[in-house]
C-alpha atoms as a PDB file:
ATOM      1  CA  MET A   1      -0.367  -8.295  11.120  1.00  0.00           C
ATOM      2  CA  SER A   2      -2.332  -5.755  12.605  1.00  0.00           C
ATOM      3  CA  GLU A   3      -5.200  -6.975  14.630  1.00  0.00           C
ATOM      4  CA  GLU A   4      -7.421  -4.417  12.873  1.00  0.00           C
ATOM      5  CA  ILE A   5     -10.748  -5.665  11.788  1.00  0.00           C
ATOM      6  CA  ILE A   6     -12.046  -4.158   8.443  1.00  0.00           C
ATOM      7  CA  VAL A   7     -15.273  -4.864   6.882  1.00  0.00           C
ATOM      8  CA  CYS A   8     -15.541  -5.357   2.803  1.00  0.00           C
ATOM      9  CA  PRO A   9     -17.794  -2.365   1.712  1.00  0.00           C
ATOM     10  CA  LYS A  10     -19.055  -4.512  -1.155  1.00  0.00           C
ATOM     11  CA  CYS A  11     -20.162  -7.773   0.472  1.00  0.00           C
ATOM     12  CA  LYS A  12     -19.682  -6.863   4.528  1.00  0.00           C
ATOM     13  CA  ASN A  13     -17.424  -9.963   5.227  1.00  0.00           C
ATOM     14  CA  LYS A  14     -14.035  -9.902   6.907  1.00  0.00           C
ATOM     15  CA  MET A  15     -11.104  -8.487   4.927  1.00  0.00           C
ATOM     16  CA  ILE A  16      -7.679  -9.933   5.342  1.00  0.00           C
ATOM     17  CA  GLN A  17      -4.512  -7.666   5.732  1.00  0.00           C
ATOM     18  CA  GLY A  18      -1.614  -8.063   3.199  1.00  0.00           C
ATOM     19  CA  PHE A  19       0.682  -5.901   1.072  1.00  0.00           C
ATOM     20  CA  VAL A  20       1.737  -5.067  -2.573  1.00  0.00           C
ATOM     21  CA  PRO A  21       5.506  -5.039  -2.593  1.00  0.00           C
ATOM     22  CA  SER A  22       7.533  -2.589  -4.876  1.00  0.00           C
ATOM     23  CA  TYR A  23      10.503  -3.603  -6.741  1.00  0.00           C
ATOM     24  CA  PHE A  24      13.393  -1.241  -6.927  1.00  0.00           C
ATOM     25  CA  HIS A  25      16.988  -2.269  -8.038  1.00  0.00           C
ATOM     26  CA  ASN A  26      16.047  -5.712  -7.207  1.00  0.00           C
ATOM     27  CA  ASN A  27      14.890  -5.033  -3.444  1.00  0.00           C
ATOM     28  CA  ASN A  28      11.520  -5.650  -2.386  1.00  0.00           C
ATOM     29  CA  LYS A  29      10.106  -2.759  -0.304  1.00  0.00           C
ATOM     30  CA  ILE A  30       6.365  -2.221   0.828  1.00  0.00           C
ATOM     31  CA  SER A  31       4.525   0.105  -1.719  1.00  0.00           C
ATOM     32  CA  THR A  32       4.560   3.669  -0.570  1.00  0.00           C
ATOM     33  CA  TRP A  33       2.127   6.570  -0.859  1.00  0.00           C
ATOM     34  CA  TYR A  34       3.698   9.902  -1.805  1.00  0.00           C
ATOM     35  CA  GLU A  35       2.072  13.412  -1.354  1.00  0.00           C
ATOM     36  CA  GLY A  36       1.900  15.511  -4.960  1.00  0.00           C
ATOM     37  CA  ILE A  37       2.008  14.983  -8.321  1.00  0.00           C
ATOM     38  CA  PRO A  38       4.845  12.321  -9.936  1.00  0.00           C
ATOM     39  CA  LYS A  39       7.489  13.637 -11.864  1.00  0.00           C
ATOM     40  CA  LYS A  40       9.838  11.858 -14.430  1.00  0.00           C
ATOM     41  CA  SER A  41      13.225  11.173 -12.780  1.00  0.00           C
ATOM     42  CA  PHE A  42      16.643  11.439 -14.443  1.00  0.00           C
ATOM     43  CA  LEU A  43      16.985   7.724 -15.007  1.00  0.00           C
ATOM     44  CA  GLY A  44      13.394   7.412 -16.485  1.00  0.00           C
ATOM     45  CA  GLY A  45      11.440   6.216 -13.446  1.00  0.00           C
ATOM     46  CA  VAL A  46       9.437   8.410 -10.948  1.00  0.00           C
ATOM     47  CA  ASP A  47      11.129  10.906  -8.656  1.00  0.00           C
ATOM     48  CA  PRO A  48       8.860  11.072  -5.648  1.00  0.00           C
ATOM     49  CA  GLN A  49      10.117  14.716  -4.748  1.00  0.00           C
ATOM     50  CA  SER A  50       8.164  14.745  -1.445  1.00  0.00           C
ATOM     51  CA  GLU A  51       8.890  14.172   2.175  1.00  0.00           C
ATOM     52  CA  VAL A  52       5.701  12.843   3.021  1.00  0.00           C
ATOM     53  CA  ASN A  53       5.276   9.280   2.443  1.00  0.00           C
ATOM     54  CA  ILE A  54       3.171   6.518   4.030  1.00  0.00           C
ATOM     55  CA  PRO A  55       3.480   3.028   3.528  1.00  0.00           C
ATOM     56  CA  ILE A  56       0.146   1.056   2.044  1.00  0.00           C
ATOM     57  CA  GLY A  57      -1.372  -1.886   3.617  1.00  0.00           C
ATOM     58  CA  ALA A  58      -3.707  -4.056   1.132  1.00  0.00           C
ATOM     59  CA  PHE A  59      -6.782  -5.681   2.521  1.00  0.00           C
ATOM     60  CA  ARG A  60      -8.476  -8.300   0.345  1.00  0.00           C
ATOM     61  CA  CYS A  61     -12.061  -9.670   1.119  1.00  0.00           C
ATOM     62  CA  GLN A  62     -11.992 -13.534   1.641  1.00  0.00           C
ATOM     63  CA  ASN A  63     -15.361 -13.737   0.161  1.00  0.00           C
ATOM     64  CA  CYS A  64     -15.707 -11.565  -2.841  1.00  0.00           C
ATOM     65  CA  GLY A  65     -12.029 -10.804  -3.604  1.00  0.00           C
ATOM     66  CA  TYR A  66     -12.219  -6.929  -3.260  1.00  0.00           C
ATOM     67  CA  ILE A  67      -8.966  -5.280  -2.598  1.00  0.00           C
ATOM     68  CA  GLU A  68      -8.804  -1.782  -0.729  1.00  0.00           C
ATOM     69  CA  PHE A  69      -5.665   0.132   0.245  1.00  0.00           C
ATOM     70  CA  TYR A  70      -5.229   2.219   3.137  1.00  0.00           C
ATOM     71  CA  GLY A  71      -1.837   4.456   3.939  1.00  0.00           C
ATOM     72  CA  LYS A  72      -0.917   4.373   7.734  1.00  0.00           C
ATOM     73  CA  THR A  73       2.472   4.514   9.029  1.00  0.00           C
ATOM     74  CA  GLU A  74       1.758   1.390  11.231  1.00  0.00           C
ATOM     75  CA  TYR A  75       2.018  -0.722   7.961  1.00  0.00           C
ATOM     76  CA  THR A  76       5.719  -0.303   7.711  1.00  0.00           C
ATOM     77  CA  VAL A  77       8.071  -2.979   7.629  1.00  0.00           C
ATOM     78  CA  LYS A  78       8.686  -4.440  11.216  1.00  0.00           C
END
């Protein structure tokens, strides 16, 4: 996990880094932000037609439970 310290915008306590998994064909992946408007895929899901994609890190306040998402390349699976 990152050494980055993020403070909760609601109660000003420390937030803890985590992630929200995305399930695709029974494989776990990190949720990813894609540039643009989602379009329906041939199989009924979403086709992310953009080459610009960034992994999402989720931070949860250990005091109030507020969750905030950030898109940064360093949140990729290591």
